[in-house]
PDB file of N, CA and C in Angstrom:
ATOM      1  N   MET A   1     -51.954  98.932   2.453  1.00  0.00           N
ATOM      2  CA  MET A   1     -53.291  99.297   2.122  1.00  0.00           C
ATOM      3  C   MET A   1     -53.315 100.063   0.794  1.00  0.00           C
ATOM      4  N   VAL A   2     -52.273 100.803   0.526  1.00  0.00           N
ATOM      5  CA  VAL A   2     -52.220 101.594  -0.714  1.00  0.00           C
ATOM      6  C   VAL A   2     -52.217 100.657  -1.925  1.00  0.00           C
ATOM      7  N   LEU A   3     -51.493  99.541  -1.855  1.00  0.00           N
ATOM      8  CA  LEU A   3     -51.455  98.624  -2.991  1.00  0.00           C
ATOM      9  C   LEU A   3     -52.799  97.942  -3.223  1.00  0.00           C
ATOM     10  N   HIS A   4     -53.652  97.953  -2.228  1.00  0.00           N
ATOM     11  CA  HIS A   4     -54.979  97.387  -2.378  1.00  0.00           C
ATOM     12  C   HIS A   4     -55.960  98.401  -2.966  1.00  0.00           C
ATOM     13  N   LEU A   5     -55.881  99.637  -2.547  1.00  0.00           N
ATOM     14  CA  LEU A   5     -56.845 100.655  -2.954  1.00  0.00           C
ATOM     15  C   LEU A   5     -56.458 101.432  -4.214  1.00  0.00           C
ATOM     16  N   LEU A   6     -55.163 101.641  -4.425  1.00  0.00           N
ATOM     17  CA  LEU A   6     -54.727 102.477  -5.543  1.00  0.00           C
ATOM     18  C   LEU A   6     -55.133 101.941  -6.923  1.00  0.00           C
ATOM     19  N   PRO A   7     -54.984 100.647  -7.212  1.00  0.00           N
ATOM     20  CA  PRO A   7     -55.427 100.177  -8.525  1.00  0.00           C
ATOM     21  C   PRO A   7     -56.909 100.407  -8.774  1.00  0.00           C
ATOM     22  N   GLY A   8     -57.742 100.210  -7.761  1.00  0.00           N
ATOM     23  CA  GLY A   8     -59.170 100.454  -7.912  1.00  0.00           C
ATOM     24  C   GLY A   8     -59.475 101.911  -8.163  1.00  0.00           C
ATOM     25  N   ALA A   9     -58.758 102.793  -7.471  1.00  0.00           N
ATOM     26  CA  ALA A   9     -58.966 104.227  -7.678  1.00  0.00           C
ATOM     27  C   ALA A   9     -58.536 104.649  -9.075  1.00  0.00           C
ATOM     28  N   LEU A  10     -57.425 104.101  -9.554  1.00  0.00           N
ATOM     29  CA  LEU A  10     -56.965 104.431 -10.901  1.00  0.00           C
ATOM     30  C   LEU A  10     -57.933 103.924 -11.966  1.00  0.00           C
ATOM     31  N   ILE A  11     -58.454 102.719 -11.781  1.00  0.00           N
ATOM     32  CA  ILE A  11     -59.408 102.162 -12.740  1.00  0.00           C
ATOM     33  C   ILE A  11     -60.691 102.985 -12.733  1.00  0.00           C
ATOM     34  N   THR A  12     -61.145 103.391 -11.540  1.00  0.00           N
ATOM     35  CA  THR A  12     -62.370 104.186 -11.452  1.00  0.00           C
ATOM     36  C   THR A  12     -62.200 105.525 -12.159  1.00  0.00           C
ATOM     37  N   ALA A  13     -61.076 106.162 -11.951  1.00  0.00           N
ATOM     38  CA  ALA A  13     -60.826 107.461 -12.591  1.00  0.00           C
ATOM     39  C   ALA A  13     -60.766 107.302 -14.121  1.00  0.00           C
ATOM     40  N   PHE A  14     -60.064 106.285 -14.592  1.00  0.00           N
ATOM     41  CA  PHE A  14     -59.960 106.048 -16.032  1.00  0.00           C
ATOM     42  C   PHE A  14     -61.315 105.723 -16.625  1.00  0.00           C
ATOM     43  N   TYR A  15     -62.107 104.917 -15.911  1.00  0.00           N
ATOM     44  CA  TYR A  15     -63.447 104.568 -16.372  1.00  0.00           C
ATOM     45  C   TYR A  15     -64.341 105.808 -16.447  1.00  0.00           C
ATOM     46  N   ALA A  16     -64.268 106.663 -15.440  1.00  0.00           N
ATOM     47  CA  ALA A  16     -65.109 107.866 -15.432  1.00  0.00           C
ATOM     48  C   ALA A  16     -64.777 108.784 -16.608  1.00  0.00           C
ATOM     49  N   LEU A  17     -63.531 108.821 -17.005  1.00  0.00           N
ATOM     50  CA  LEU A  17     -63.139 109.642 -18.159  1.00  0.00           C
ATOM     51  C   LEU A  17     -63.470 108.966 -19.488  1.00  0.00           C
ATOM     52  N   LEU A  18     -63.394 107.667 -19.515  1.00  0.00           N
ATOM     53  CA  LEU A  18     -63.517 106.939 -20.779  1.00  0.00           C
ATOM     54  C   LEU A  18     -64.954 106.514 -21.099  1.00  0.00           C
ATOM     55  N   ALA A  19     -65.787 106.301 -20.099  1.00  0.00           N
ATOM     56  CA  ALA A  19     -67.139 105.775 -20.323  1.00  0.00           C
ATOM     57  C   ALA A  19     -67.986 106.655 -21.264  1.00  0.00           C
ATOM     58  N   PRO A  20     -68.003 107.962 -21.098  1.00  0.00           N
ATOM     59  CA  PRO A  20     -68.799 108.770 -22.042  1.00  0.00           C
ATOM     60  C   PRO A  20     -68.310 108.665 -23.494  1.00  0.00           C
ATOM     61  N   VAL A  21     -67.016 108.571 -23.664  1.00  0.00           N
ATOM     62  CA  VAL A  21     -66.453 108.458 -25.014  1.00  0.00           C
ATOM     63  C   VAL A  21     -66.848 107.119 -25.633  1.00  0.00           C
ATOM     64  N   VAL A  22     -66.735 106.051 -24.835  1.00  0.00           N
ATOM     65  CA  VAL A  22     -67.063 104.726 -25.335  1.00  0.00           C
ATOM     66  C   VAL A  22     -68.547 104.634 -25.675  1.00  0.00           C
ATOM     67  N   ARG A  23     -69.403 105.214 -24.816  1.00  0.00           N
ATOM     68  CA  ARG A  23     -70.841 105.178 -25.084  1.00  0.00           C
ATOM     69  C   ARG A  23     -71.181 105.989 -26.328  1.00  0.00           C
ATOM     70  N   SER A  24     -70.499 107.102 -26.527  1.00  0.00           N
ATOM     71  CA  SER A  24     -70.798 107.929 -27.713  1.00  0.00           C
ATOM     72  C   SER A  24     -70.374 107.229 -29.007  1.00  0.00           C
ATOM     73  N   LEU A  25     -69.449 106.297 -28.904  1.00  0.00           N
ATOM     74  CA  LEU A  25     -69.038 105.526 -30.079  1.00  0.00           C
ATOM     75  C   LEU A  25     -69.957 104.345 -30.337  1.00  0.00           C
ATOM     76  N   GLY A  26     -70.925 104.129 -29.446  1.00  0.00           N
ATOM     77  CA  GLY A  26     -71.889 103.053 -29.663  1.00  0.00           C
ATOM     78  C   GLY A  26     -71.587 101.753 -28.956  1.00  0.00           C
ATOM     79  N   PHE A  27     -70.548 101.733 -28.145  1.00  0.00           N
ATOM     80  CA  PHE A  27     -70.210 100.531 -27.397  1.00  0.00           C
ATOM     81  C   PHE A  27     -70.870 100.577 -26.020  1.00  0.00           C
ATOM     82  N   PRO A  28     -71.080  99.424 -25.406  1.00  0.00           N
ATOM     83  CA  PRO A  28     -71.606  99.434 -24.038  1.00  0.00           C
ATOM     84  C   PRO A  28     -70.538  99.946 -23.069  1.00  0.00           C
ATOM     85  N   SER A  29     -70.992 100.451 -21.918  1.00  0.00           N
ATOM     86  CA  SER A  29     -70.023 101.024 -20.984  1.00  0.00           C
ATOM     87  C   SER A  29     -69.111  99.963 -20.378  1.00  0.00           C
ATOM     88  N   LEU A  30     -69.498  98.698 -20.476  1.00  0.00           N
ATOM     89  CA  LEU A  30     -68.618  97.626 -20.003  1.00  0.00           C
ATOM     90  C   LEU A  30     -67.294  97.610 -20.774  1.00  0.00           C
ATOM     91  N   MET A  31     -67.332  98.075 -22.010  1.00  0.00           N
ATOM     92  CA  MET A  31     -66.090  98.164 -22.807  1.00  0.00           C
ATOM     93  C   MET A  31     -65.095  99.088 -22.143  1.00  0.00           C
ATOM     94  N   ALA A  32     -65.564 100.131 -21.486  1.00  0.00           N
ATOM     95  CA  ALA A  32     -64.672 101.061 -20.788  1.00  0.00           C
ATOM     96  C   ALA A  32     -63.982 100.363 -19.617  1.00  0.00           C
ATOM     97  N   ILE A  33     -64.675  99.457 -18.949  1.00  0.00           N
ATOM     98  CA  ILE A  33     -64.055  98.694 -17.859  1.00  0.00           C
ATOM     99  C   ILE A  33     -62.960  97.803 -18.397  1.00  0.00           C
ATOM    100  N   PHE A  34     -63.267  97.110 -19.504  1.00  0.00           N
ATOM    101  CA  PHE A  34     -62.259  96.231 -20.110  1.00  0.00           C
ATOM    102  C   PHE A  34     -61.027  97.021 -20.533  1.00  0.00           C
ATOM    103  N   LEU A  35     -61.237  98.183 -21.109  1.00  0.00           N
ATOM    104  CA  LEU A  35     -60.098  99.024 -21.512  1.00  0.00           C
ATOM    105  C   LEU A  35     -59.340  99.536 -20.300  1.00  0.00           C
ATOM    106  N   SER A  36     -60.032  99.815 -19.215  1.00  0.00           N
ATOM    107  CA  SER A  36     -59.372 100.243 -17.989  1.00  0.00           C
ATOM    108  C   SER A  36     -58.485  99.146 -17.432  1.00  0.00           C
ATOM    109  N   ILE A  37     -58.964  97.926 -17.478  1.00  0.00           N
ATOM    110  CA  ILE A  37     -58.151  96.808 -17.023  1.00  0.00           C
ATOM    111  C   ILE A  37     -56.916  96.646 -17.894  1.00  0.00           C
ATOM    112  N   LEU A  38     -57.126  96.753 -19.201  1.00  0.00           N
ATOM    113  CA  LEU A  38     -56.025  96.556 -20.138  1.00  0.00           C
ATOM    114  C   LEU A  38     -54.980  97.649 -20.050  1.00  0.00           C
ATOM    115  N   PHE A  39     -55.418  98.911 -19.951  1.00  0.00           N
ATOM    116  CA  PHE A  39     -54.472 100.022 -20.012  1.00  0.00           C
ATOM    117  C   PHE A  39     -54.050 100.587 -18.652  1.00  0.00           C
ATOM    118  N   VAL A  40     -54.726 100.192 -17.546  1.00  0.00           N
ATOM    119  CA  VAL A  40     -54.372 100.721 -16.238  1.00  0.00           C
ATOM    120  C   VAL A  40     -53.943  99.613 -15.286  1.00  0.00           C
ATOM    121  N   LEU A  41     -54.792  98.612 -15.092  1.00  0.00           N
ATOM    122  CA  LEU A  41     -54.522  97.594 -14.077  1.00  0.00           C
ATOM    123  C   LEU A  41     -53.309  96.731 -14.411  1.00  0.00           C
ATOM    124  N   VAL A  42     -53.278  96.190 -15.601  1.00  0.00           N
ATOM    125  CA  VAL A  42     -52.172  95.295 -15.985  1.00  0.00           C
ATOM    126  C   VAL A  42     -50.838  96.038 -15.982  1.00  0.00           C
ATOM    127  N   PRO A  43     -50.714  97.215 -16.601  1.00  0.00           N
ATOM    128  CA  PRO A  43     -49.414  97.908 -16.522  1.00  0.00           C
ATOM    129  C   PRO A  43     -49.030  98.310 -15.114  1.00  0.00           C
ATOM    130  N   PHE A  44     -50.005  98.695 -14.289  1.00  0.00           N
ATOM    131  CA  PHE A  44     -49.692  99.090 -12.916  1.00  0.00           C
ATOM    132  C   PHE A  44     -49.142  97.900 -12.140  1.00  0.00           C
ATOM    133  N   GLU A  45     -49.803  96.741 -12.219  1.00  0.00           N
ATOM    134  CA  GLU A  45     -49.360  95.595 -11.449  1.00  0.00           C
ATOM    135  C   GLU A  45     -48.032  95.052 -11.960  1.00  0.00           C
ATOM    136  N   LEU A  46     -47.861  94.930 -13.266  1.00  0.00           N
ATOM    137  CA  LEU A  46     -46.584  94.480 -13.800  1.00  0.00           C
ATOM    138  C   LEU A  46     -45.465  95.488 -13.520  1.00  0.00           C
ATOM    139  N   GLY A  47     -45.800  96.753 -13.618  1.00  0.00           N
ATOM    140  CA  GLY A  47     -44.806  97.787 -13.324  1.00  0.00           C
ATOM    141  C   GLY A  47     -44.343  97.754 -11.873  1.00  0.00           C
ATOM    142  N   TYR A  48     -45.283  97.501 -10.966  1.00  0.00           N
ATOM    143  CA  TYR A  48     -44.895  97.419  -9.567  1.00  0.00           C
ATOM    144  C   TYR A  48     -44.000  96.195  -9.318  1.00  0.00           C
ATOM    145  N   LEU A  49     -44.331  95.078  -9.926  1.00  0.00           N
ATOM    146  CA  LEU A  49     -43.489  93.882  -9.758  1.00  0.00           C
ATOM    147  C   LEU A  49     -42.095  94.111 -10.323  1.00  0.00           C
ATOM    148  N   LEU A  50     -42.004  94.753 -11.479  1.00  0.00           N
ATOM    149  CA  LEU A  50     -40.691  95.043 -12.055  1.00  0.00           C
ATOM    150  C   LEU A  50     -39.921  96.054 -11.209  1.00  0.00           C
ATOM    151  N   TYR A  51     -40.624  97.017 -10.615  1.00  0.00           N
ATOM    152  CA  TYR A  51     -39.993  97.970  -9.721  1.00  0.00           C
ATOM    153  C   TYR A  51     -39.409  97.262  -8.505  1.00  0.00           C
ATOM    154  N   ARG A  52     -40.172  96.330  -7.908  1.00  0.00           N
ATOM    155  CA  ARG A  52     -39.664  95.590  -6.763  1.00  0.00           C
ATOM    156  C   ARG A  52     -38.483  94.722  -7.145  1.00  0.00           C
ATOM    157  N   SER A  53     -38.514  94.147  -8.343  1.00  0.00           N
ATOM    158  CA  SER A  53     -37.418  93.313  -8.795  1.00  0.00           C
ATOM    159  C   SER A  53     -36.143  94.126  -8.968  1.00  0.00           C
ATOM    160  N   ARG A  54     -36.284  95.289  -9.561  1.00  0.00           N
ATOM    161  CA  ARG A  54     -35.101  96.146  -9.781  1.00  0.00           C
ATOM    162  C   ARG A  54     -34.544  96.621  -8.449  1.00  0.00           C
ATOM    163  N   ARG A  55     -35.421  96.932  -7.508  1.00  0.00           N
ATOM    164  CA  ARG A  55     -34.979  97.403  -6.207  1.00  0.00           C
ATOM    165  C   ARG A  55     -34.297  96.298  -5.399  1.00  0.00           C
ATOM    166  N   LYS A  56     -34.775  95.060  -5.587  1.00  0.00           N
ATOM    167  CA  LYS A  56     -34.237  93.928  -4.835  1.00  0.00           C
ATOM    168  C   LYS A  56     -32.905  93.453  -5.381  1.00  0.00           C
ATOM    169  N   ASN A  57     -32.841  93.250  -6.704  1.00  0.00           N
ATOM    170  CA  ASN A  57     -31.635  92.653  -7.293  1.00  0.00           C
ATOM    171  C   ASN A  57     -30.968  93.481  -8.358  1.00  0.00           C
ATOM    172  N   GLY A  58     -31.558  94.588  -8.755  1.00  0.00           N
ATOM    173  CA  GLY A  58     -30.933  95.435  -9.745  1.00  0.00           C
ATOM    174  C   GLY A  58     -31.217  95.041 -11.180  1.00  0.00           C
ATOM    175  N   ASP A  59     -32.031  94.020 -11.397  1.00  0.00           N
ATOM    176  CA  ASP A  59     -32.363  93.651 -12.763  1.00  0.00           C
ATOM    177  C   ASP A  59     -33.885  93.578 -12.929  1.00  0.00           C
ATOM    178  N   LEU A  60     -34.329  93.559 -14.166  1.00  0.00           N
ATOM    179  CA  LEU A  60     -35.759  93.528 -14.451  1.00  0.00           C
ATOM    180  C   LEU A  60     -36.198  92.098 -14.771  1.00  0.00           C
ATOM    181  N   SER A  61     -36.330  91.286 -13.760  1.00  0.00           N
ATOM    182  CA  SER A  61     -36.748  89.905 -13.948  1.00  0.00           C
ATOM    183  C   SER A  61     -37.837  89.572 -12.933  1.00  0.00           C
ATOM    184  N   LEU A  62     -38.924  89.003 -13.420  1.00  0.00           N
ATOM    185  CA  LEU A  62     -39.997  88.638 -12.512  1.00  0.00           C
ATOM    186  C   LEU A  62     -39.651  87.405 -11.688  1.00  0.00           C
ATOM    187  N   ARG A  63     -38.614  86.694 -12.045  1.00  0.00           N
ATOM    188  CA  ARG A  63     -38.214  85.509 -11.287  1.00  0.00           C
ATOM    189  C   ARG A  63     -37.821  85.851  -9.857  1.00  0.00           C
ATOM    190  N   ASN A  64     -37.362  87.067  -9.630  1.00  0.00           N
ATOM    191  CA  ASN A  64     -36.913  87.441  -8.299  1.00  0.00           C
ATOM    192  C   ASN A  64     -38.054  87.802  -7.358  1.00  0.00           C
ATOM    193  N   VAL A  65     -39.185  88.161  -7.885  1.00  0.00           N
ATOM    194  CA  VAL A  65     -40.289  88.609  -7.026  1.00  0.00           C
ATOM    195  C   VAL A  65     -41.494  87.698  -7.058  1.00  0.00           C
ATOM    196  N   VAL A  66     -41.645  86.874  -8.089  1.00  0.00           N
ATOM    197  CA  VAL A  66     -42.765  85.941  -8.158  1.00  0.00           C
ATOM    198  C   VAL A  66     -42.270  84.582  -7.694  1.00  0.00           C
ATOM    199  N   LEU A  67     -42.610  84.255  -6.477  1.00  0.00           N
ATOM    200  CA  LEU A  67     -42.181  82.987  -5.903  1.00  0.00           C
ATOM    201  C   LEU A  67     -43.297  81.956  -6.068  1.00  0.00           C
ATOM    202  N   TYR A  68     -43.047  80.774  -5.610  1.00  0.00           N
ATOM    203  CA  TYR A  68     -44.029  79.693  -5.655  1.00  0.00           C
ATOM    204  C   TYR A  68     -44.435  79.384  -7.084  1.00  0.00           C
ATOM    205  N   ARG A  69     -43.440  79.034  -7.896  1.00  0.00           N
ATOM    206  CA  ARG A  69     -43.701  78.733  -9.306  1.00  0.00           C
ATOM    207  C   ARG A  69     -43.826  77.238  -9.559  1.00  0.00           C
ATOM    208  N   GLU A  70     -44.107  76.460  -8.523  1.00  0.00           N
ATOM    209  CA  GLU A  70     -44.224  75.031  -8.701  1.00  0.00           C
ATOM    210  C   GLU A  70     -45.562  74.706  -9.372  1.00  0.00           C
ATOM    211  N   HIS A  71     -45.575  73.670 -10.177  1.00  0.00           N
ATOM    212  CA  HIS A  71     -46.782  73.258 -10.841  1.00  0.00           C
ATOM    213  C   HIS A  71     -47.772  72.649  -9.865  1.00  0.00           C
ATOM    214  N   THR A  72     -49.033  72.890 -10.123  1.00  0.00           N
ATOM    215  CA  THR A  72     -50.077  72.299  -9.300  1.00  0.00           C
ATOM    216  C   THR A  72     -50.264  70.858  -9.746  1.00  0.00           C
ATOM    217  N   PRO A  73     -50.253  69.920  -8.787  1.00  0.00           N
ATOM    218  CA  PRO A  73     -50.404  68.519  -9.190  1.00  0.00           C
ATOM    219  C   PRO A  73     -51.809  68.250  -9.729  1.00  0.00           C
ATOM    220  N   THR A  74     -51.856  67.400 -10.757  1.00  0.00           N
ATOM    221  CA  THR A  74     -53.143  66.995 -11.302  1.00  0.00           C
ATOM    222  C   THR A  74     -53.667  65.796 -10.537  1.00  0.00           C
ATOM    223  N   ILE A  75     -54.954  65.644 -10.569  1.00  0.00           N
ATOM    224  CA  ILE A  75     -55.577  64.546  -9.802  1.00  0.00           C
ATOM    225  C   ILE A  75     -55.546  63.267 -10.597  1.00  0.00           C
TER     226      ILE A  75
END
């Protein structure tokens, strides 16, 4: 449950801190959400996958934790 709720909580906290700054610079507050995704969500998710990879096999490779890499057949 933590892996489901923690990214949202981190994005919300970052957005709450960043939205007033972004608005004062003249950008819409949606820009703060995009920046939250870029600087919080993506590093958190990739970092967790790399952490699991290192814990499982001792190396930093996403091949060990991202399974089901088969191509989707085209119609």
